Amino acid sequence: MAGTGRVVAELGRPETPDEAAARKAESSRVYRSSQTVRNLVAALLATLAVVAVIVFMVPRGSFAPDRSIDVAAVAKDAAAAYGHTVVIPQVPSDWHVNSAAVAGDQTPTWTIVYATHEASGFLRVAQGFDADTAWDARLLQGAAPQGTVDVDGIAWTRYATTAGSGNITYAIATAAGADRILVYGDTDAATAAKAAAGLTDQIRSMREENR
């Protein structure tokens, strides 16, 4: 005699083959679902553990200090290497020096780049060793002279910058002995005048030496 099916309390009778199959399928589904949840929780915990290890491995402490450029030291080396007096303008204390170096083969050029923290973006003070006005035009991408401006008793040639001048919006230049000094950049007349005024004594001294 064939065995009877499993008696189900809710039914009060043995379950049919279809009911037994449905019960087993549901049990399998619930088991698989619980396994999936456990796997997700385990994966999340593993990820958090990895993140924690990385966080604790990162060295603590303050950020590396700002390595300010010693313009005077760089200028001293440049003066010794090229045999020229190298200018350093007196500028507002909140101007930040981004770079200071000599570059160029045809006309060695000493350049200091400042972030002025004003309305303008940046300003360069460049000194061309044994340079002429053609040097001005090369650095300014062909900009033409447009009158002069007086800064602290020194006449500076103002250059008409155009869209072809890149990001240069203002530029003035003057002679300093055998050299040329150019103050230019993404700047305005007032900001450029501050740098130019900070060069007055040096320019006058270089002109006297060249007489």
C-alpha atoms as a PDB file:
ATOM      1  CA  MET A   1       0.000   0.000   0.000  1.00  0.00           C
ATOM      2  CA  ALA A   2       1.436   3.325  -1.042  1.00  0.00           C
ATOM      3  CA  GLY A   3       2.327   5.681   1.784  1.00  0.00           C
ATOM      4  CA  THR A   4       0.119   8.653   2.323  1.00  0.00           C
ATOM      5  CA  GLY A   5       1.332  12.161   1.918  1.00  0.00           C
ATOM      6  CA  ARG A   6       2.555  14.422   4.727  1.00  0.00           C
ATOM      7  CA  VAL A   7      -0.321  15.612   6.929  1.00  0.00           C
ATOM      8  CA  VAL A   8      -0.415  19.397   6.980  1.00  0.00           C
ATOM      9  CA  ALA A   9      -1.950  20.908  10.122  1.00  0.00           C
ATOM     10  CA  GLU A  10      -3.355  23.885   8.255  1.00  0.00           C
ATOM     11  CA  LEU A  11      -5.075  21.564   5.784  1.00  0.00           C
ATOM     12  CA  GLY A  12      -6.115  18.804   8.207  1.00  0.00           C
ATOM     13  CA  ARG A  13      -5.222  16.231   5.581  1.00  0.00           C
ATOM     14  CA  PRO A  14      -2.254  14.841   3.668  1.00  0.00           C
ATOM     15  CA  GLU A  15      -0.844  17.299   1.124  1.00  0.00           C
ATOM     16  CA  THR A  16      -1.114  16.486  -2.531  1.00  0.00           C
ATOM     17  CA  PRO A  17       1.972  16.028  -4.734  1.00  0.00           C
ATOM     18  CA  ASP A  18       1.445  19.491  -6.222  1.00  0.00           C
ATOM     19  CA  GLU A  19       1.197  21.026  -2.773  1.00  0.00           C
ATOM     20  CA  ALA A  20       4.339  19.225  -1.647  1.00  0.00           C
ATOM     21  CA  ALA A  21       6.215  20.472  -4.715  1.00  0.00           C
ATOM     22  CA  ALA A  22       5.009  24.021  -4.136  1.00  0.00           C
ATOM     23  CA  ARG A  23       6.042  23.843  -0.438  1.00  0.00           C
ATOM     24  CA  LYS A  24       9.540  22.636  -1.340  1.00  0.00           C
ATOM     25  CA  ALA A  25       9.924  25.286  -4.042  1.00  0.00           C
ATOM     26  CA  GLU A  26       8.921  28.020  -1.579  1.00  0.00           C
ATOM     27  CA  SER A  27      11.357  26.666   1.030  1.00  0.00           C
ATOM     28  CA  SER A  28      14.141  26.722  -1.562  1.00  0.00           C
ATOM     29  CA  ARG A  29      13.262  30.283  -2.545  1.00  0.00           C
ATOM     30  CA  VAL A  30      13.284  31.486   1.071  1.00  0.00           C
ATOM     31  CA  TYR A  31      16.605  29.710   1.685  1.00  0.00           C
ATOM     32  CA  ARG A  32      18.193  31.227  -1.414  1.00  0.00           C
ATOM     33  CA  SER A  33      16.894  34.651  -0.475  1.00  0.00           C
ATOM     34  CA  SER A  34      18.360  34.399   3.028  1.00  0.00           C
ATOM     35  CA  GLN A  35      21.691  33.284   1.571  1.00  0.00           C
ATOM     36  CA  THR A  36      21.711  36.275  -0.795  1.00  0.00           C
ATOM     37  CA  VAL A  37      21.102  38.700   2.082  1.00  0.00           C
ATOM     38  CA  ARG A  38      23.826  37.062   4.164  1.00  0.00           C
ATOM     39  CA  ASN A  39      26.233  37.256   1.228  1.00  0.00           C
ATOM     40  CA  LEU A  40      25.470  40.954   0.696  1.00  0.00           C
ATOM     41  CA  VAL A  41      26.006  41.689   4.393  1.00  0.00           C
ATOM     42  CA  ALA A  42      29.285  39.763   4.353  1.00  0.00           C
ATOM     43  CA  ALA A  43      30.463  41.634   1.258  1.00  0.00           C
ATOM     44  CA  LEU A  44      29.552  44.978   2.823  1.00  0.00           C
ATOM     45  CA  LEU A  45      31.417  44.146   6.022  1.00  0.00           C
ATOM     46  CA  ALA A  46      34.462  43.070   4.010  1.00  0.00           C
ATOM     47  CA  THR A  47      34.412  46.331   2.064  1.00  0.00           C
ATOM     48  CA  LEU A  48      34.153  48.380   5.257  1.00  0.00           C
ATOM     49  CA  ALA A  49      37.071  46.452   6.714  1.00  0.00           C
ATOM     50  CA  VAL A  50      39.231  47.242   3.671  1.00  0.00           C
ATOM     51  CA  VAL A  51      38.291  50.936   3.857  1.00  0.00           C
ATOM     52  CA  ALA A  52      39.144  51.008   7.565  1.00  0.00           C
ATOM     53  CA  VAL A  53      42.562  49.470   6.906  1.00  0.00           C
ATOM     54  CA  ILE A  54      43.298  52.059   4.190  1.00  0.00           C
ATOM     55  CA  VAL A  55      42.184  54.934   6.450  1.00  0.00           C
ATOM     56  CA  PHE A  56      44.375  53.799   9.308  1.00  0.00           C
ATOM     57  CA  MET A  57      47.343  53.268   6.984  1.00  0.00           C
ATOM     58  CA  VAL A  58      47.264  56.878   5.749  1.00  0.00           C
ATOM     59  CA  PRO A  59      49.844  58.908   7.711  1.00  0.00           C
ATOM     60  CA  ARG A  60      48.346  61.504  10.010  1.00  0.00           C
ATOM     61  CA  GLY A  61      49.676  64.972  10.680  1.00  0.00           C
ATOM     62  CA  SER A  62      49.549  68.403   9.114  1.00  0.00           C
ATOM     63  CA  PHE A  63      49.760  69.101   5.405  1.00  0.00           C
ATOM     64  CA  ALA A  64      53.190  69.665   3.925  1.00  0.00           C
ATOM     65  CA  PRO A  65      54.205  73.298   4.364  1.00  0.00           C
ATOM     66  CA  ASP A  66      54.135  75.648   1.404  1.00  0.00           C
ATOM     67  CA  ARG A  67      57.620  75.653  -0.091  1.00  0.00           C
ATOM     68  CA  SER A  68      58.069  79.331  -0.853  1.00  0.00           C
ATOM     69  CA  ILE A  69      60.607  80.274  -3.490  1.00  0.00           C
ATOM     70  CA  ASP A  70      63.679  82.114  -2.206  1.00  0.00           C
ATOM     71  CA  VAL A  71      63.735  84.724  -4.966  1.00  0.00           C
ATOM     72  CA  ALA A  72      66.810  86.484  -3.573  1.00  0.00           C
ATOM     73  CA  ALA A  73      68.826  83.263  -3.595  1.00  0.00           C
ATOM     74  CA  VAL A  74      67.765  82.365  -7.133  1.00  0.00           C
ATOM     75  CA  ALA A  75      68.507  85.909  -8.307  1.00  0.00           C
ATOM     76  CA  LYS A  76      71.989  85.790  -6.734  1.00  0.00           C
ATOM     77  CA  ASP A  77      72.778  82.580  -8.630  1.00  0.00           C
ATOM     78  CA  ALA A  78      71.443  84.081 -11.864  1.00  0.00           C
ATOM     79  CA  ALA A  79      73.537  87.235 -11.416  1.00  0.00           C
ATOM     80  CA  ALA A  80      76.677  85.170 -10.911  1.00  0.00           C
ATOM     81  CA  ALA A  81      75.927  82.935 -13.897  1.00  0.00           C
ATOM     82  CA  TYR A  82      75.082  85.709 -16.382  1.00  0.00           C
ATOM     83  CA  GLY A  83      77.112  88.637 -15.084  1.00  0.00           C
ATOM     84  CA  HIS A  84      74.123  90.967 -14.825  1.00  0.00           C
ATOM     85  CA  THR A  85      72.440  92.795 -12.001  1.00  0.00           C
ATOM     86  CA  VAL A  86      69.186  90.899 -11.486  1.00  0.00           C
ATOM     87  CA  VAL A  87      66.132  92.888 -10.427  1.00  0.00           C
ATOM     88  CA  ILE A  88      63.714  91.930  -7.679  1.00  0.00           C
ATOM     89  CA  PRO A  89      60.733  94.278  -7.285  1.00  0.00           C
ATOM     90  CA  GLN A  90      59.365  95.348  -3.932  1.00  0.00           C
ATOM     91  CA  VAL A  91      55.766  94.125  -4.095  1.00  0.00           C
ATOM     92  CA  PRO A  92      52.864  93.788  -1.642  1.00  0.00           C
ATOM     93  CA  SER A  93      53.425  91.083   0.957  1.00  0.00           C
ATOM     94  CA  ASP A  94      50.325  89.135  -0.071  1.00  0.00           C
ATOM     95  CA  TRP A  95      51.594  88.553  -3.617  1.00  0.00           C
ATOM     96  CA  HIS A  96      52.700  84.955  -4.021  1.00  0.00           C
ATOM     97  CA  VAL A  97      55.712  83.990  -6.145  1.00  0.00           C
ATOM     98  CA  ASN A  98      54.827  81.085  -8.447  1.00  0.00           C
ATOM     99  CA  SER A  99      58.215  80.857 -10.148  1.00  0.00           C
ATOM    100  CA  ALA A 100      61.544  82.642 -10.518  1.00  0.00           C
ATOM    101  CA  ALA A 101      64.126  81.544 -13.082  1.00  0.00           C
ATOM    102  CA  VAL A 102      66.249  82.448 -16.104  1.00  0.00           C
ATOM    103  CA  ALA A 103      65.275  80.907 -19.427  1.00  0.00           C
ATOM    104  CA  GLY A 104      65.892  81.464 -23.125  1.00  0.00           C
ATOM    105  CA  ASP A 105      68.846  80.997 -25.452  1.00  0.00           C
ATOM    106  CA  GLN A 106      68.654  83.929 -27.849  1.00  0.00           C
ATOM    107  CA  THR A 107      68.066  86.418 -25.032  1.00  0.00           C
ATOM    108  CA  PRO A 108      68.417  85.008 -21.515  1.00  0.00           C
ATOM    109  CA  THR A 109      65.441  86.279 -19.547  1.00  0.00           C
ATOM    110  CA  TRP A 110      65.017  86.481 -15.791  1.00  0.00           C
ATOM    111  CA  THR A 111      61.322  86.146 -14.944  1.00  0.00           C
ATOM    112  CA  ILE A 112      59.373  86.256 -11.705  1.00  0.00           C
ATOM    113  CA  VAL A 113      55.718  85.207 -11.884  1.00  0.00           C
ATOM    114  CA  TYR A 114      53.373  86.547  -9.211  1.00  0.00           C
ATOM    115  CA  ALA A 115      49.848  85.615  -8.200  1.00  0.00           C
ATOM    116  CA  THR A 116      48.654  89.022  -7.040  1.00  0.00           C
ATOM    117  CA  HIS A 117      45.434  87.991  -5.234  1.00  0.00           C
ATOM    118  CA  GLU A 118      43.744  91.043  -6.699  1.00  0.00           C
ATOM    119  CA  ALA A 119      41.218  91.392  -9.507  1.00  0.00           C
ATOM    120  CA  SER A 120      43.900  90.338 -11.964  1.00  0.00           C
ATOM    121  CA  GLY A 121      45.093  86.782 -12.425  1.00  0.00           C
ATOM    122  CA  PHE A 122      48.886  86.916 -12.640  1.00  0.00           C
ATOM    123  CA  LEU A 123      51.744  89.287 -13.329  1.00  0.00           C
ATOM    124  CA  ARG A 124      55.258  88.710 -14.681  1.00  0.00           C
ATOM    125  CA  VAL A 125      58.329  90.841 -14.118  1.00  0.00           C
ATOM    126  CA  ALA A 126      60.836  89.952 -16.840  1.00  0.00           C
ATOM    127  CA  GLN A 127      64.379  91.199 -17.428  1.00  0.00           C
ATOM    128  CA  GLY A 128      65.975  90.565 -20.796  1.00  0.00           C
ATOM    129  CA  PHE A 129      69.779  90.556 -20.581  1.00  0.00           C
ATOM    130  CA  ASP A 130      71.326  92.762 -23.296  1.00  0.00           C
ATOM    131  CA  ALA A 131      67.880  93.056 -24.869  1.00  0.00           C
ATOM    132  CA  ASP A 132      66.286  95.625 -27.165  1.00  0.00           C
ATOM    133  CA  THR A 133      62.698  96.509 -28.011  1.00  0.00           C
ATOM    134  CA  ALA A 134      62.448  93.512 -30.328  1.00  0.00           C
ATOM    135  CA  TRP A 135      62.628  91.384 -27.189  1.00  0.00           C
ATOM    136  CA  ASP A 136      59.540  93.181 -25.893  1.00  0.00           C
ATOM    137  CA  ALA A 137      57.621  92.301 -29.043  1.00  0.00           C
ATOM    138  CA  ARG A 138      58.670  88.640 -28.910  1.00  0.00           C
ATOM    139  CA  LEU A 139      57.430  88.188 -25.353  1.00  0.00           C
ATOM    140  CA  LEU A 140      54.239  90.085 -26.109  1.00  0.00           C
ATOM    141  CA  GLN A 141      53.549  88.134 -29.308  1.00  0.00           C
ATOM    142  CA  GLY A 142      53.907  91.139 -31.571  1.00  0.00           C
ATOM    143  CA  ALA A 143      52.058  93.764 -29.520  1.00  0.00           C
ATOM    144  CA  ALA A 144      52.825  97.313 -30.675  1.00  0.00           C
ATOM    145  CA  PRO A 145      53.854 100.307 -28.521  1.00  0.00           C
ATOM    146  CA  GLN A 146      51.008 102.644 -27.571  1.00  0.00           C
ATOM    147  CA  GLY A 147      52.396 105.711 -25.827  1.00  0.00           C
ATOM    148  CA  THR A 148      54.081 105.881 -22.436  1.00  0.00           C
ATOM    149  CA  VAL A 149      53.084 105.915 -18.795  1.00  0.00           C
ATOM    150  CA  ASP A 150      54.985 107.516 -15.935  1.00  0.00           C
ATOM    151  CA  VAL A 151      55.578 105.373 -12.866  1.00  0.00           C
ATOM    152  CA  ASP A 152      57.493 106.981 -10.031  1.00  0.00           C
ATOM    153  CA  GLY A 153      59.315 109.318 -12.406  1.00  0.00           C
ATOM    154  CA  ILE A 154      60.309 106.629 -14.907  1.00  0.00           C
ATOM    155  CA  ALA A 155      58.801 106.510 -18.389  1.00  0.00           C
ATOM    156  CA  TRP A 156      57.488 103.091 -19.360  1.00  0.00           C
ATOM    157  CA  THR A 157      56.352 102.152 -22.870  1.00  0.00           C
ATOM    158  CA  ARG A 158      52.800 100.852 -22.843  1.00  0.00           C
ATOM    159  CA  TYR A 159      51.979  98.072 -25.277  1.00  0.00           C
ATOM    160  CA  ALA A 160      48.603  97.610 -26.955  1.00  0.00           C
ATOM    161  CA  THR A 161      47.650  94.023 -26.190  1.00  0.00           C
ATOM    162  CA  THR A 162      45.108  92.266 -28.398  1.00  0.00           C
ATOM    163  CA  ALA A 163      43.335  88.940 -28.592  1.00  0.00           C
ATOM    164  CA  GLY A 164      46.484  87.644 -30.294  1.00  0.00           C
ATOM    165  CA  SER A 165      48.497  88.427 -27.170  1.00  0.00           C
ATOM    166  CA  GLY A 166      47.215  85.309 -25.421  1.00  0.00           C
ATOM    167  CA  ASN A 167      46.196  85.941 -21.818  1.00  0.00           C
ATOM    168  CA  ILE A 168      48.187  89.195 -21.593  1.00  0.00           C
ATOM    169  CA  THR A 169      45.887  92.129 -20.902  1.00  0.00           C
ATOM    170  CA  TYR A 170      48.382  94.808 -19.886  1.00  0.00           C
ATOM    171  CA  ALA A 171      52.116  95.358 -20.499  1.00  0.00           C
ATOM    172  CA  ILE A 172      54.707  98.099 -19.917  1.00  0.00           C
ATOM    173  CA  ALA A 173      58.451  98.062 -20.585  1.00  0.00           C
ATOM    174  CA  THR A 174      61.505 100.239 -20.024  1.00  0.00           C
ATOM    175  CA  ALA A 175      65.286 100.172 -20.347  1.00  0.00           C
ATOM    176  CA  ALA A 176      67.561  99.416 -17.400  1.00  0.00           C
ATOM    177  CA  GLY A 177      71.151  99.861 -18.490  1.00  0.00           C
ATOM    178  CA  ALA A 178      71.874  97.321 -21.217  1.00  0.00           C
ATOM    179  CA  ASP A 179      68.778  95.321 -20.257  1.00  0.00           C
ATOM    180  CA  ARG A 180      65.030  95.646 -20.779  1.00  0.00           C
ATOM    181  CA  ILE A 181      62.414  95.296 -18.037  1.00  0.00           C
ATOM    182  CA  LEU A 182      58.908  94.155 -18.904  1.00  0.00           C
ATOM    183  CA  VAL A 183      55.957  94.058 -16.514  1.00  0.00           C
ATOM    184  CA  TYR A 184      53.019  92.227 -18.048  1.00  0.00           C
ATOM    185  CA  GLY A 185      50.334  89.591 -17.639  1.00  0.00           C
ATOM    186  CA  ASP A 186      46.653  89.061 -17.015  1.00  0.00           C
ATOM    187  CA  THR A 187      46.627  92.270 -14.999  1.00  0.00           C
ATOM    188  CA  ASP A 188      45.621  95.936 -14.979  1.00  0.00           C
ATOM    189  CA  ALA A 189      47.429  99.271 -14.973  1.00  0.00           C
ATOM    190  CA  ALA A 190      47.214  99.796 -11.213  1.00  0.00           C
ATOM    191  CA  THR A 191      48.605  96.365 -10.367  1.00  0.00           C
ATOM    192  CA  ALA A 192      51.396  96.619 -12.938  1.00  0.00           C
ATOM    193  CA  ALA A 193      52.290 100.058 -11.553  1.00  0.00           C
ATOM    194  CA  LYS A 194      52.846  98.547  -8.113  1.00  0.00           C
ATOM    195  CA  ALA A 195      55.474  96.170  -9.510  1.00  0.00           C
ATOM    196  CA  ALA A 196      57.015  98.899 -11.681  1.00  0.00           C
ATOM    197  CA  ALA A 197      57.281 101.279  -8.708  1.00  0.00           C
ATOM    198  CA  GLY A 198      58.977  98.513  -6.759  1.00  0.00           C
ATOM    199  CA  LEU A 199      61.756  98.524  -9.391  1.00  0.00           C
ATOM    200  CA  THR A 200      62.398 102.289  -9.518  1.00  0.00           C
ATOM    201  CA  ASP A 201      65.583 102.440  -7.460  1.00  0.00           C
ATOM    202  CA  GLN A 202      67.099  99.392  -9.187  1.00  0.00           C
ATOM    203  CA  ILE A 203      66.345 100.727 -12.660  1.00  0.00           C
ATOM    204  CA  ARG A 204      67.883 104.104 -11.865  1.00  0.00           C
ATOM    205  CA  SER A 205      70.965 102.440 -10.435  1.00  0.00           C
ATOM    206  CA  MET A 206      71.390 100.232 -13.508  1.00  0.00           C
ATOM    207  CA  ARG A 207      71.020 103.262 -15.793  1.00  0.00           C
ATOM    208  CA  GLU A 208      73.689 105.140 -13.840  1.00  0.00           C
ATOM    209  CA  GLU A 209      76.075 102.188 -14.045  1.00  0.00           C
ATOM    210  CA  ASN A 210      75.620 101.993 -17.812  1.00  0.00           C
ATOM    211  CA  ARG A 211      76.488 105.649 -18.499  1.00  0.00           C
END
